[in-house]
């Protein structure tokens, strides 16, 4: 009796089927596989191997043959023993032993028993109904090579435009860097009329410097501004504008004769001691509160610009008195300046 049918049925339910006195068949899970040469996609399955050292009788195969053939256990055991003796004889003669849907056994030149599984049957029940698919490879289109003449012309055109592009890029980067540096250092660039192209507002959002918060405390004012030139004493009609920035006279310079206060008539203009320029509204309010506390009788000047707001207090319409008041204020901070309105 051929028992390969019983072994095949048991492999569907069990991972190990032992033939007493002959060996055992073992099943291991094998995942899905893509064959790169045959271009096939195989579903998950059970890989069958043979172990000749598993010869102990576990009763699984004999009981299954007894139930399937309606025979007794002893009769089924005799069928298995007869099949084992017949199969061993065939292998000793050098012939192949074929087990349907399982594989074949044979001896090699050195006498070792080899097993070749039959991959046509899938014993994994979860892959029931799945079959091996053959997928045709994708044929890529042929790449058309450029002619040597066309390559040379293309290369010539590209190289002729490259220096101009590089020069334009360098000029653009240099202009942006210069503009950013001017804005960062606080230099006014109104004459450039950049607002018409919204360049000024765009750069201001990117390179906006953080201004420290000024809190209104009852202390002396320390705010950075510019310096008044003492050379204005030479001319009684000298005018100090908001854009005038000069250096104080040193000891090595020639002494300047100072006119008496009584010899100078009052000017129709008003002089203001400017203490600084601010961008944040909270800092403007804080500086204004300090000036009101320190100079309650003076008029506070708030001149708002596009970016900065200048702040100062009134020093009268006498230039020398205003200059004296400026020098007194510069003892606290030498960066204060005088503005004529």
C-alpha atoms as a PDB file:
ATOM      1  CA  UNK A   1       0.000   0.000   0.000  1.00  0.00           C
ATOM      2  CA  UNK A   2       1.194   3.481  -0.878  1.00  0.00           C
ATOM      3  CA  UNK A   3       1.095   5.587   2.294  1.00  0.00           C
ATOM      4  CA  UNK A   4       2.157   8.859   0.622  1.00  0.00           C
ATOM      5  CA  UNK A   5      -1.526   9.910   0.397  1.00  0.00           C
ATOM      6  CA  UNK A   6      -1.955   9.589   4.179  1.00  0.00           C
ATOM      7  CA  UNK A   7       1.282  11.526   4.788  1.00  0.00           C
ATOM      8  CA  UNK A   8       0.125  14.301   2.460  1.00  0.00           C
ATOM      9  CA  UNK A   9      -3.212  14.642   4.276  1.00  0.00           C
ATOM     10  CA  UNK A  10      -1.473  14.813   7.675  1.00  0.00           C
ATOM     11  CA  UNK A  11       0.895  17.571   6.507  1.00  0.00           C
ATOM     12  CA  UNK A  12      -2.135  19.844   6.014  1.00  0.00           C
ATOM     13  CA  UNK A  13      -2.951  19.671   9.731  1.00  0.00           C
ATOM     14  CA  UNK A  14       0.424  18.943  11.362  1.00  0.00           C
ATOM     15  CA  UNK A  15       3.936  20.345  11.037  1.00  0.00           C
ATOM     16  CA  UNK A  16       5.653  17.007  11.702  1.00  0.00           C
ATOM     17  CA  UNK A  17       4.746  13.519  10.431  1.00  0.00           C
ATOM     18  CA  UNK A  18       7.014  10.605  11.473  1.00  0.00           C
ATOM     19  CA  UNK A  19       7.265   7.311   9.591  1.00  0.00           C
ATOM     20  CA  UNK A  20       8.378   4.779  12.270  1.00  0.00           C
ATOM     21  CA  UNK A  21      11.764   3.260  11.432  1.00  0.00           C
ATOM     22  CA  UNK A  22      12.261   5.478   8.360  1.00  0.00           C
ATOM     23  CA  UNK A  23      12.290   9.241   9.193  1.00  0.00           C
ATOM     24  CA  UNK A  24      10.085  12.283   9.589  1.00  0.00           C
ATOM     25  CA  UNK A  25       8.790  15.116   7.405  1.00  0.00           C
ATOM     26  CA  UNK A  26       8.905  18.608   8.948  1.00  0.00           C
ATOM     27  CA  UNK A  27       7.046  21.714   7.762  1.00  0.00           C
ATOM     28  CA  UNK A  28       8.319  25.292   8.309  1.00  0.00           C
ATOM     29  CA  UNK A  29       6.559  28.547   7.409  1.00  0.00           C
ATOM     30  CA  UNK A  30       7.791  30.147   4.200  1.00  0.00           C
ATOM     31  CA  UNK A  31       6.781  33.764   3.440  1.00  0.00           C
ATOM     32  CA  UNK A  32       5.720  35.075   0.035  1.00  0.00           C
ATOM     33  CA  UNK A  33       8.544  35.204  -2.474  1.00  0.00           C
ATOM     34  CA  UNK A  34       9.354  37.113  -5.679  1.00  0.00           C
ATOM     35  CA  UNK A  35      11.599  35.290  -8.135  1.00  0.00           C
ATOM     36  CA  UNK A  36      13.809  37.854  -9.931  1.00  0.00           C
ATOM     37  CA  UNK A  37      14.617  35.570 -12.877  1.00  0.00           C
ATOM     38  CA  UNK A  38      11.353  33.731 -13.490  1.00  0.00           C
ATOM     39  CA  UNK A  39       9.353  36.898 -12.673  1.00  0.00           C
ATOM     40  CA  UNK A  40       6.933  35.000 -10.444  1.00  0.00           C
ATOM     41  CA  UNK A  41       5.210  35.929  -7.166  1.00  0.00           C
ATOM     42  CA  UNK A  42       4.579  32.952  -4.853  1.00  0.00           C
ATOM     43  CA  UNK A  43       2.129  33.092  -1.903  1.00  0.00           C
ATOM     44  CA  UNK A  44       3.112  32.032   1.658  1.00  0.00           C
ATOM     45  CA  UNK A  45       3.476  28.264   2.075  1.00  0.00           C
ATOM     46  CA  UNK A  46       5.017  25.449   4.121  1.00  0.00           C
ATOM     47  CA  UNK A  47       8.559  24.368   3.271  1.00  0.00           C
ATOM     48  CA  UNK A  48       8.902  20.563   3.704  1.00  0.00           C
ATOM     49  CA  UNK A  49      12.175  18.962   4.837  1.00  0.00           C
ATOM     50  CA  UNK A  50      13.139  15.390   5.755  1.00  0.00           C
ATOM     51  CA  UNK A  51      14.930  14.294   8.949  1.00  0.00           C
ATOM     52  CA  UNK A  52      16.146  10.659   8.916  1.00  0.00           C
ATOM     53  CA  UNK A  53      16.815  10.723  12.680  1.00  0.00           C
ATOM     54  CA  UNK A  54      13.094  11.002  13.577  1.00  0.00           C
ATOM     55  CA  UNK A  55      12.237   7.294  13.692  1.00  0.00           C
ATOM     56  CA  UNK A  56      10.330   6.934  16.965  1.00  0.00           C
ATOM     57  CA  UNK A  57       6.694   5.900  16.644  1.00  0.00           C
ATOM     58  CA  UNK A  58       4.400   8.644  17.887  1.00  0.00           C
ATOM     59  CA  UNK A  59       1.277   6.785  16.670  1.00  0.00           C
ATOM     60  CA  UNK A  60       0.061   9.668  14.497  1.00  0.00           C
ATOM     61  CA  UNK A  61       0.554   8.033  11.096  1.00  0.00           C
ATOM     62  CA  UNK A  62      -0.552   4.515  12.140  1.00  0.00           C
ATOM     63  CA  UNK A  63      -3.749   5.748  13.815  1.00  0.00           C
ATOM     64  CA  UNK A  64      -4.585   7.887  10.768  1.00  0.00           C
ATOM     65  CA  UNK A  65      -4.098   4.873   8.416  1.00  0.00           C
ATOM     66  CA  UNK A  66      -6.213   2.664  10.704  1.00  0.00           C
ATOM     67  CA  UNK A  67      -9.108   5.149  10.670  1.00  0.00           C
ATOM     68  CA  UNK A  68      -8.838   5.929   6.986  1.00  0.00           C
ATOM     69  CA  UNK A  69      -8.537   2.286   5.852  1.00  0.00           C
ATOM     70  CA  UNK A  70     -10.987   0.821   8.396  1.00  0.00           C
ATOM     71  CA  UNK A  71      -8.350  -1.571   9.726  1.00  0.00           C
ATOM     72  CA  UNK A  72      -6.965  -2.304  13.162  1.00  0.00           C
ATOM     73  CA  UNK A  73      -3.948  -0.606  14.688  1.00  0.00           C
ATOM     74  CA  UNK A  74      -1.797  -3.765  14.268  1.00  0.00           C
ATOM     75  CA  UNK A  75      -2.790  -4.096  10.626  1.00  0.00           C
ATOM     76  CA  UNK A  76      -1.973  -0.444  10.007  1.00  0.00           C
ATOM     77  CA  UNK A  77       1.406  -0.860  11.727  1.00  0.00           C
ATOM     78  CA  UNK A  78       2.156  -3.865   9.507  1.00  0.00           C
ATOM     79  CA  UNK A  79       1.309  -1.779   6.406  1.00  0.00           C
ATOM     80  CA  UNK A  80       3.767   0.897   7.510  1.00  0.00           C
ATOM     81  CA  UNK A  81       6.535  -1.662   8.242  1.00  0.00           C
ATOM     82  CA  UNK A  82       6.043  -3.287   4.838  1.00  0.00           C
ATOM     83  CA  UNK A  83       6.274   0.102   3.101  1.00  0.00           C
ATOM     84  CA  UNK A  84       9.449   0.984   5.057  1.00  0.00           C
ATOM     85  CA  UNK A  85      11.197  -2.261   4.078  1.00  0.00           C
ATOM     86  CA  UNK A  86      10.226  -1.850   0.414  1.00  0.00           C
ATOM     87  CA  UNK A  87      11.376   1.784   0.327  1.00  0.00           C
ATOM     88  CA  UNK A  88      14.718   1.013   2.014  1.00  0.00           C
ATOM     89  CA  UNK A  89      15.350  -1.665  -0.574  1.00  0.00           C
ATOM     90  CA  UNK A  90      14.736   0.713  -3.460  1.00  0.00           C
ATOM     91  CA  UNK A  91      17.078   3.318  -1.983  1.00  0.00           C
ATOM     92  CA  UNK A  92      19.851   0.765  -1.448  1.00  0.00           C
ATOM     93  CA  UNK A  93      19.604  -0.203  -5.102  1.00  0.00           C
ATOM     94  CA  UNK A  94      20.237   3.483  -6.012  1.00  0.00           C
ATOM     95  CA  UNK A  95      16.706   4.145  -7.212  1.00  0.00           C
ATOM     96  CA  UNK A  96      14.529   7.135  -6.360  1.00  0.00           C
ATOM     97  CA  UNK A  97      11.646   6.880  -3.936  1.00  0.00           C
ATOM     98  CA  UNK A  98       8.741   9.073  -5.097  1.00  0.00           C
ATOM     99  CA  UNK A  99       6.075  10.289  -2.688  1.00  0.00           C
ATOM    100  CA  UNK A 100       3.197  11.974  -4.509  1.00  0.00           C
ATOM    101  CA  UNK A 101       2.628  15.648  -3.626  1.00  0.00           C
ATOM    102  CA  UNK A 102       5.509  15.467  -1.104  1.00  0.00           C
ATOM    103  CA  UNK A 103       8.778  14.947  -2.980  1.00  0.00           C
ATOM    104  CA  UNK A 104      11.384  12.335  -3.758  1.00  0.00           C
ATOM    105  CA  UNK A 105      14.233  10.654  -1.861  1.00  0.00           C
ATOM    106  CA  UNK A 106      17.509   9.302  -3.281  1.00  0.00           C
ATOM    107  CA  UNK A 107      21.154   8.665  -2.358  1.00  0.00           C
ATOM    108  CA  UNK A 108      23.977  10.790  -3.734  1.00  0.00           C
ATOM    109  CA  UNK A 109      27.386   9.495  -4.805  1.00  0.00           C
ATOM    110  CA  UNK A 110      28.677   9.510  -1.236  1.00  0.00           C
ATOM    111  CA  UNK A 111      25.649   7.560   0.040  1.00  0.00           C
ATOM    112  CA  UNK A 112      23.888  10.463   1.766  1.00  0.00           C
ATOM    113  CA  UNK A 113      20.095  10.455   1.699  1.00  0.00           C
ATOM    114  CA  UNK A 114      18.739  13.580  -0.069  1.00  0.00           C
ATOM    115  CA  UNK A 115      15.180  14.906  -0.210  1.00  0.00           C
ATOM    116  CA  UNK A 116      13.765  17.152  -2.958  1.00  0.00           C
ATOM    117  CA  UNK A 117      10.365  18.638  -1.978  1.00  0.00           C
ATOM    118  CA  UNK A 118       7.495  18.956  -4.408  1.00  0.00           C
ATOM    119  CA  UNK A 119       6.616  22.680  -4.536  1.00  0.00           C
ATOM    120  CA  UNK A 120       3.472  22.198  -6.617  1.00  0.00           C
ATOM    121  CA  UNK A 121       1.346  21.624  -3.494  1.00  0.00           C
ATOM    122  CA  UNK A 122       0.853  24.320  -0.844  1.00  0.00           C
ATOM    123  CA  UNK A 123       0.221  22.812   2.619  1.00  0.00           C
ATOM    124  CA  UNK A 124      -0.458  26.173   4.306  1.00  0.00           C
ATOM    125  CA  UNK A 125      -4.228  26.312   4.878  1.00  0.00           C
ATOM    126  CA  UNK A 126      -4.283  30.121   5.214  1.00  0.00           C
ATOM    127  CA  UNK A 127      -3.029  30.375   1.606  1.00  0.00           C
ATOM    128  CA  UNK A 128      -5.816  28.210   0.225  1.00  0.00           C
ATOM    129  CA  UNK A 129      -6.890  29.431  -3.203  1.00  0.00           C
ATOM    130  CA  UNK A 130      -3.750  31.519  -3.797  1.00  0.00           C
ATOM    131  CA  UNK A 131      -1.623  30.581  -6.748  1.00  0.00           C
ATOM    132  CA  UNK A 132       1.717  31.591  -8.153  1.00  0.00           C
ATOM    133  CA  UNK A 133       1.493  34.602 -10.443  1.00  0.00           C
ATOM    134  CA  UNK A 134       3.731  35.379 -13.392  1.00  0.00           C
ATOM    135  CA  UNK A 135       4.359  39.079 -13.882  1.00  0.00           C
ATOM    136  CA  UNK A 136       5.816  40.286 -17.153  1.00  0.00           C
ATOM    137  CA  UNK A 137       8.802  42.623 -16.725  1.00  0.00           C
ATOM    138  CA  UNK A 138       8.457  46.289 -17.705  1.00  0.00           C
ATOM    139  CA  UNK A 139      10.194  47.042 -20.965  1.00  0.00           C
ATOM    140  CA  UNK A 140      11.954  50.379 -20.783  1.00  0.00           C
ATOM    141  CA  UNK A 141      12.050  52.567 -23.867  1.00  0.00           C
ATOM    142  CA  UNK A 142      15.282  53.018 -25.686  1.00  0.00           C
ATOM    143  CA  UNK A 143      17.192  56.185 -24.805  1.00  0.00           C
ATOM    144  CA  UNK A 144      17.981  58.291 -27.861  1.00  0.00           C
ATOM    145  CA  UNK A 145      21.498  59.709 -27.714  1.00  0.00           C
ATOM    146  CA  UNK A 146      22.143  63.291 -28.758  1.00  0.00           C
ATOM    147  CA  UNK A 147      24.370  63.837 -31.727  1.00  0.00           C
ATOM    148  CA  UNK A 148      27.803  65.222 -31.070  1.00  0.00           C
ATOM    149  CA  UNK A 149      26.997  68.445 -32.941  1.00  0.00           C
ATOM    150  CA  UNK A 150      23.841  69.100 -30.901  1.00  0.00           C
ATOM    151  CA  UNK A 151      25.711  68.457 -27.648  1.00  0.00           C
ATOM    152  CA  UNK A 152      28.407  70.959 -28.582  1.00  0.00           C
ATOM    153  CA  UNK A 153      25.855  73.642 -29.478  1.00  0.00           C
ATOM    154  CA  UNK A 154      23.922  73.065 -26.283  1.00  0.00           C
ATOM    155  CA  UNK A 155      27.069  73.246 -24.189  1.00  0.00           C
ATOM    156  CA  UNK A 156      28.176  76.458 -25.917  1.00  0.00           C
ATOM    157  CA  UNK A 157      24.860  78.229 -25.243  1.00  0.00           C
ATOM    158  CA  UNK A 158      24.826  77.148 -21.614  1.00  0.00           C
ATOM    159  CA  UNK A 159      28.378  78.325 -20.944  1.00  0.00           C
ATOM    160  CA  UNK A 160      27.756  81.684 -22.634  1.00  0.00           C
ATOM    161  CA  UNK A 161      24.879  82.550 -20.251  1.00  0.00           C
ATOM    162  CA  UNK A 162      26.465  81.262 -17.084  1.00  0.00           C
ATOM    163  CA  UNK A 163      28.849  84.219 -16.390  1.00  0.00           C
ATOM    164  CA  UNK A 164      25.990  86.736 -16.739  1.00  0.00           C
ATOM    165  CA  UNK A 165      23.841  84.757 -14.367  1.00  0.00           C
ATOM    166  CA  UNK A 166      26.633  84.511 -11.838  1.00  0.00           C
ATOM    167  CA  UNK A 167      27.345  88.250 -12.079  1.00  0.00           C
ATOM    168  CA  UNK A 168      23.660  89.113 -11.637  1.00  0.00           C
ATOM    169  CA  UNK A 169      23.403  86.794  -8.647  1.00  0.00           C
ATOM    170  CA  UNK A 170      26.503  88.311  -7.016  1.00  0.00           C
ATOM    171  CA  UNK A 171      25.192  91.858  -7.515  1.00  0.00           C
ATOM    172  CA  UNK A 172      21.807  90.924  -6.087  1.00  0.00           C
ATOM    173  CA  UNK A 173      23.327  89.297  -3.014  1.00  0.00           C
ATOM    174  CA  UNK A 174      25.693  92.239  -2.506  1.00  0.00           C
ATOM    175  CA  UNK A 175      22.787  94.694  -2.698  1.00  0.00           C
ATOM    176  CA  UNK A 176      20.688  92.729  -0.228  1.00  0.00           C
ATOM    177  CA  UNK A 177      23.639  92.419   2.167  1.00  0.00           C
ATOM    178  CA  UNK A 178      24.368  96.172   1.975  1.00  0.00           C
ATOM    179  CA  UNK A 179      20.714  97.070   2.539  1.00  0.00           C
ATOM    180  CA  UNK A 180      20.480  94.686   5.481  1.00  0.00           C
ATOM    181  CA  UNK A 181      23.649  96.161   7.023  1.00  0.00           C
ATOM    182  CA  UNK A 182      22.308  99.709   6.704  1.00  0.00           C
ATOM    183  CA  UNK A 183      19.018  98.786   8.299  1.00  0.00           C
ATOM    184  CA  UNK A 184      20.718  96.843  11.079  1.00  0.00           C
ATOM    185  CA  UNK A 185      23.009  99.743  11.996  1.00  0.00           C
ATOM    186  CA  UNK A 186      20.071 102.190  12.011  1.00  0.00           C
ATOM    187  CA  UNK A 187      21.001 104.313   8.960  1.00  0.00           C
ATOM    188  CA  UNK A 188      17.977 105.969   7.381  1.00  0.00           C
ATOM    189  CA  UNK A 189      17.468 105.032   3.729  1.00  0.00           C
ATOM    190  CA  UNK A 190      14.432 107.159   2.848  1.00  0.00           C
ATOM    191  CA  UNK A 191      16.122 108.641  -0.244  1.00  0.00           C
ATOM    192  CA  UNK A 192      16.147 105.256  -1.916  1.00  0.00           C
ATOM    193  CA  UNK A 193      12.298 105.249  -2.156  1.00  0.00           C
ATOM    194  CA  UNK A 194      12.226 101.548  -1.427  1.00  0.00           C
ATOM    195  CA  UNK A 195       8.682 101.690  -0.063  1.00  0.00           C
ATOM    196  CA  UNK A 196       7.337 101.936  -3.607  1.00  0.00           C
ATOM    197  CA  UNK A 197       8.444  98.349  -4.178  1.00  0.00           C
ATOM    198  CA  UNK A 198       7.654  97.234  -0.579  1.00  0.00           C
ATOM    199  CA  UNK A 199      11.314  96.330  -0.176  1.00  0.00           C
ATOM    200  CA  UNK A 200      11.736  98.432   2.950  1.00  0.00           C
ATOM    201  CA  UNK A 201       8.858  96.818   4.848  1.00  0.00           C
ATOM    202  CA  UNK A 202       9.966  93.335   3.755  1.00  0.00           C
ATOM    203  CA  UNK A 203      13.555  93.845   4.904  1.00  0.00           C
ATOM    204  CA  UNK A 204      12.395  95.538   8.098  1.00  0.00           C
ATOM    205  CA  UNK A 205      10.362  92.464   9.042  1.00  0.00           C
ATOM    206  CA  UNK A 206      13.376  90.210   8.503  1.00  0.00           C
ATOM    207  CA  UNK A 207      16.144  92.352  10.044  1.00  0.00           C
ATOM    208  CA  UNK A 208      14.166  94.124  12.758  1.00  0.00           C
ATOM    209  CA  UNK A 209      16.399  94.729  15.776  1.00  0.00           C
ATOM    210  CA  UNK A 210      15.026  94.041  19.216  1.00  0.00           C
ATOM    211  CA  UNK A 211      14.779  97.272  21.232  1.00  0.00           C
ATOM    212  CA  UNK A 212      15.110  96.855  25.007  1.00  0.00           C
ATOM    213  CA  UNK A 213      12.053  97.717  27.026  1.00  0.00           C
ATOM    214  CA  UNK A 214      12.309 100.953  29.022  1.00  0.00           C
ATOM    215  CA  UNK A 215      10.386 100.911  32.290  1.00  0.00           C
ATOM    216  CA  UNK A 216       9.284 104.214  33.907  1.00  0.00           C
ATOM    217  CA  UNK A 217      11.455 104.366  37.017  1.00  0.00           C
ATOM    218  CA  UNK A 218      12.231 107.544  39.020  1.00  0.00           C
ATOM    219  CA  UNK A 219      15.917 107.554  38.070  1.00  0.00           C
ATOM    220  CA  UNK A 220      18.171 109.692  35.880  1.00  0.00           C
ATOM    221  CA  UNK A 221      17.737 109.428  32.082  1.00  0.00           C
ATOM    222  CA  UNK A 222      20.375 107.428  30.188  1.00  0.00           C
ATOM    223  CA  UNK A 223      19.420 107.213  26.508  1.00  0.00           C
ATOM    224  CA  UNK A 224      21.878 107.092  23.519  1.00  0.00           C
ATOM    225  CA  UNK A 225      21.870 110.048  21.062  1.00  0.00           C
ATOM    226  CA  UNK A 226      24.400 112.263  19.167  1.00  0.00           C
ATOM    227  CA  UNK A 227      26.776 115.068  20.233  1.00  0.00           C
ATOM    228  CA  UNK A 228      26.614 118.862  19.630  1.00  0.00           C
ATOM    229  CA  UNK A 229      29.643 120.623  18.194  1.00  0.00           C
ATOM    230  CA  UNK A 230      30.933 123.467  20.374  1.00  0.00           C
ATOM    231  CA  UNK A 231      32.215 125.234  17.262  1.00  0.00           C
ATOM    232  CA  UNK A 232      28.770 126.841  16.891  1.00  0.00           C
ATOM    233  CA  UNK A 233      29.810 129.389  19.487  1.00  0.00           C
ATOM    234  CA  UNK A 234      31.927 131.108  16.797  1.00  0.00           C
ATOM    235  CA  UNK A 235      28.805 132.279  15.001  1.00  0.00           C
ATOM    236  CA  UNK A 236      25.822 133.524  16.951  1.00  0.00           C
ATOM    237  CA  UNK A 237      23.535 132.704  14.029  1.00  0.00           C
ATOM    238  CA  UNK A 238      24.684 129.049  13.839  1.00  0.00           C
ATOM    239  CA  UNK A 239      21.841 126.582  13.372  1.00  0.00           C
ATOM    240  CA  UNK A 240      21.780 123.039  14.750  1.00  0.00           C
ATOM    241  CA  UNK A 241      19.524 120.838  12.707  1.00  0.00           C
ATOM    242  CA  UNK A 242      18.293 117.349  13.440  1.00  0.00           C
ATOM    243  CA  UNK A 243      20.756 115.876  10.919  1.00  0.00           C
ATOM    244  CA  UNK A 244      23.832 117.733  12.259  1.00  0.00           C
ATOM    245  CA  UNK A 245      26.347 115.445  14.019  1.00  0.00           C
ATOM    246  CA  UNK A 246      29.700 117.088  14.969  1.00  0.00           C
ATOM    247  CA  UNK A 247      32.546 116.308  17.351  1.00  0.00           C
ATOM    248  CA  UNK A 248      33.236 118.398  20.472  1.00  0.00           C
ATOM    249  CA  UNK A 249      36.364 120.642  20.338  1.00  0.00           C
ATOM    250  CA  UNK A 250      39.468 119.216  21.990  1.00  0.00           C
ATOM    251  CA  UNK A 251      42.014 121.021  24.163  1.00  0.00           C
ATOM    252  CA  UNK A 252      44.502 121.252  21.270  1.00  0.00           C
ATOM    253  CA  UNK A 253      42.083 123.368  19.190  1.00  0.00           C
ATOM    254  CA  UNK A 254      42.174 127.149  19.310  1.00  0.00           C
ATOM    255  CA  UNK A 255      40.032 128.646  22.064  1.00  0.00           C
ATOM    256  CA  UNK A 256      36.742 130.097  20.889  1.00  0.00           C
ATOM    257  CA  UNK A 257      35.689 133.446  22.288  1.00  0.00           C
ATOM    258  CA  UNK A 258      32.320 133.161  23.969  1.00  0.00           C
ATOM    259  CA  UNK A 259      29.951 136.078  23.584  1.00  0.00           C
ATOM    260  CA  UNK A 260      28.204 137.469  26.579  1.00  0.00           C
ATOM    261  CA  UNK A 261      24.608 136.451  27.028  1.00  0.00           C
ATOM    262  CA  UNK A 262      23.466 140.065  27.079  1.00  0.00           C
ATOM    263  CA  UNK A 263      24.927 140.719  23.600  1.00  0.00           C
ATOM    264  CA  UNK A 264      22.708 138.038  21.986  1.00  0.00           C
ATOM    265  CA  UNK A 265      19.099 138.721  21.339  1.00  0.00           C
ATOM    266  CA  UNK A 266      16.400 136.091  21.650  1.00  0.00           C
ATOM    267  CA  UNK A 267      15.870 133.963  18.540  1.00  0.00           C
ATOM    268  CA  UNK A 268      12.413 133.508  17.025  1.00  0.00           C
ATOM    269  CA  UNK A 269      13.130 129.785  17.055  1.00  0.00           C
ATOM    270  CA  UNK A 270      12.818 127.428  20.006  1.00  0.00           C
ATOM    271  CA  UNK A 271      15.663 125.103  21.032  1.00  0.00           C
ATOM    272  CA  UNK A 272      15.086 121.618  22.367  1.00  0.00           C
ATOM    273  CA  UNK A 273      17.472 119.287  24.157  1.00  0.00           C
ATOM    274  CA  UNK A 274      16.886 115.947  22.464  1.00  0.00           C
ATOM    275  CA  UNK A 275      17.510 112.858  24.577  1.00  0.00           C
ATOM    276  CA  UNK A 276      16.977 110.069  22.041  1.00  0.00           C
ATOM    277  CA  UNK A 277      14.919 108.385  19.311  1.00  0.00           C
ATOM    278  CA  UNK A 278      12.641 105.373  19.899  1.00  0.00           C
ATOM    279  CA  UNK A 279      10.729 102.845  17.819  1.00  0.00           C
ATOM    280  CA  UNK A 280       8.518 101.177  20.465  1.00  0.00           C
ATOM    281  CA  UNK A 281       5.522 103.074  21.801  1.00  0.00           C
ATOM    282  CA  UNK A 282       6.026 101.774  25.343  1.00  0.00           C
ATOM    283  CA  UNK A 283       9.580 103.159  25.391  1.00  0.00           C
ATOM    284  CA  UNK A 284       8.334 106.539  24.132  1.00  0.00           C
ATOM    285  CA  UNK A 285       5.788 106.742  26.950  1.00  0.00           C
ATOM    286  CA  UNK A 286       8.371 105.721  29.546  1.00  0.00           C
ATOM    287  CA  UNK A 287      10.872 108.373  28.384  1.00  0.00           C
ATOM    288  CA  UNK A 288       8.113 111.014  28.254  1.00  0.00           C
ATOM    289  CA  UNK A 289       7.104 110.226  31.850  1.00  0.00           C
ATOM    290  CA  UNK A 290      10.690 110.590  33.035  1.00  0.00           C
ATOM    291  CA  UNK A 291      11.071 113.992  31.316  1.00  0.00           C
ATOM    292  CA  UNK A 292       7.808 115.225  32.870  1.00  0.00           C
ATOM    293  CA  UNK A 293       9.002 114.177  36.311  1.00  0.00           C
ATOM    294  CA  UNK A 294      12.449 115.746  35.897  1.00  0.00           C
ATOM    295  CA  UNK A 295      11.438 118.911  33.948  1.00  0.00           C
ATOM    296  CA  UNK A 296       7.826 119.650  34.959  1.00  0.00           C
ATOM    297  CA  UNK A 297       7.961 123.247  33.645  1.00  0.00           C
ATOM    298  CA  UNK A 298       9.359 122.408  30.195  1.00  0.00           C
ATOM    299  CA  UNK A 299       7.492 121.630  27.006  1.00  0.00           C
ATOM    300  CA  UNK A 300       8.029 118.028  25.904  1.00  0.00           C
ATOM    301  CA  UNK A 301       8.727 117.651  22.166  1.00  0.00           C
ATOM    302  CA  UNK A 302       7.592 114.423  20.504  1.00  0.00           C
ATOM    303  CA  UNK A 303       8.504 114.373  16.811  1.00  0.00           C
ATOM    304  CA  UNK A 304       7.267 111.230  15.124  1.00  0.00           C
ATOM    305  CA  UNK A 305       9.030 109.887  12.068  1.00  0.00           C
ATOM    306  CA  UNK A 306       8.396 106.957   9.811  1.00  0.00           C
ATOM    307  CA  UNK A 307      10.517 104.576  11.852  1.00  0.00           C
ATOM    308  CA  UNK A 308      11.731 106.462  14.935  1.00  0.00           C
ATOM    309  CA  UNK A 309      10.170 109.024  17.270  1.00  0.00           C
ATOM    310  CA  UNK A 310      12.460 111.749  18.658  1.00  0.00           C
ATOM    311  CA  UNK A 311      11.927 112.977  22.208  1.00  0.00           C
ATOM    312  CA  UNK A 312      13.253 116.058  24.018  1.00  0.00           C
ATOM    313  CA  UNK A 313      12.369 119.017  26.238  1.00  0.00           C
ATOM    314  CA  UNK A 314      12.232 122.759  25.603  1.00  0.00           C
ATOM    315  CA  UNK A 315      15.346 124.903  26.380  1.00  0.00           C
ATOM    316  CA  UNK A 316      13.929 128.323  25.394  1.00  0.00           C
ATOM    317  CA  UNK A 317      14.709 130.589  22.429  1.00  0.00           C
ATOM    318  CA  UNK A 318      18.130 131.841  23.619  1.00  0.00           C
ATOM    319  CA  UNK A 319      20.899 129.885  21.996  1.00  0.00           C
ATOM    320  CA  UNK A 320      23.432 130.376  24.808  1.00  0.00           C
ATOM    321  CA  UNK A 321      20.941 129.437  27.502  1.00  0.00           C
ATOM    322  CA  UNK A 322      19.927 126.406  25.494  1.00  0.00           C
ATOM    323  CA  UNK A 323      23.596 125.493  25.018  1.00  0.00           C
ATOM    324  CA  UNK A 324      24.260 125.873  28.721  1.00  0.00           C
ATOM    325  CA  UNK A 325      21.281 123.658  29.522  1.00  0.00           C
ATOM    326  CA  UNK A 326      22.545 121.102  26.988  1.00  0.00           C
ATOM    327  CA  UNK A 327      26.016 121.067  28.595  1.00  0.00           C
ATOM    328  CA  UNK A 328      24.401 120.576  31.994  1.00  0.00           C
ATOM    329  CA  UNK A 329      22.375 117.656  30.646  1.00  0.00           C
ATOM    330  CA  UNK A 330      25.447 116.185  28.914  1.00  0.00           C
ATOM    331  CA  UNK A 331      27.087 115.718  32.309  1.00  0.00           C
ATOM    332  CA  UNK A 332      24.722 112.799  32.706  1.00  0.00           C
ATOM    333  CA  UNK A 333      24.994 111.572  29.121  1.00  0.00           C
ATOM    334  CA  UNK A 334      27.291 113.127  26.509  1.00  0.00           C
ATOM    335  CA  UNK A 335      25.133 111.844  23.670  1.00  0.00           C
ATOM    336  CA  UNK A 336      22.346 114.456  23.998  1.00  0.00           C
ATOM    337  CA  UNK A 337      22.006 116.970  21.143  1.00  0.00           C
ATOM    338  CA  UNK A 338      20.323 120.293  20.423  1.00  0.00           C
ATOM    339  CA  UNK A 339      17.449 120.747  17.946  1.00  0.00           C
ATOM    340  CA  UNK A 340      16.145 124.091  16.583  1.00  0.00           C
ATOM    341  CA  UNK A 341      12.467 124.298  15.638  1.00  0.00           C
END
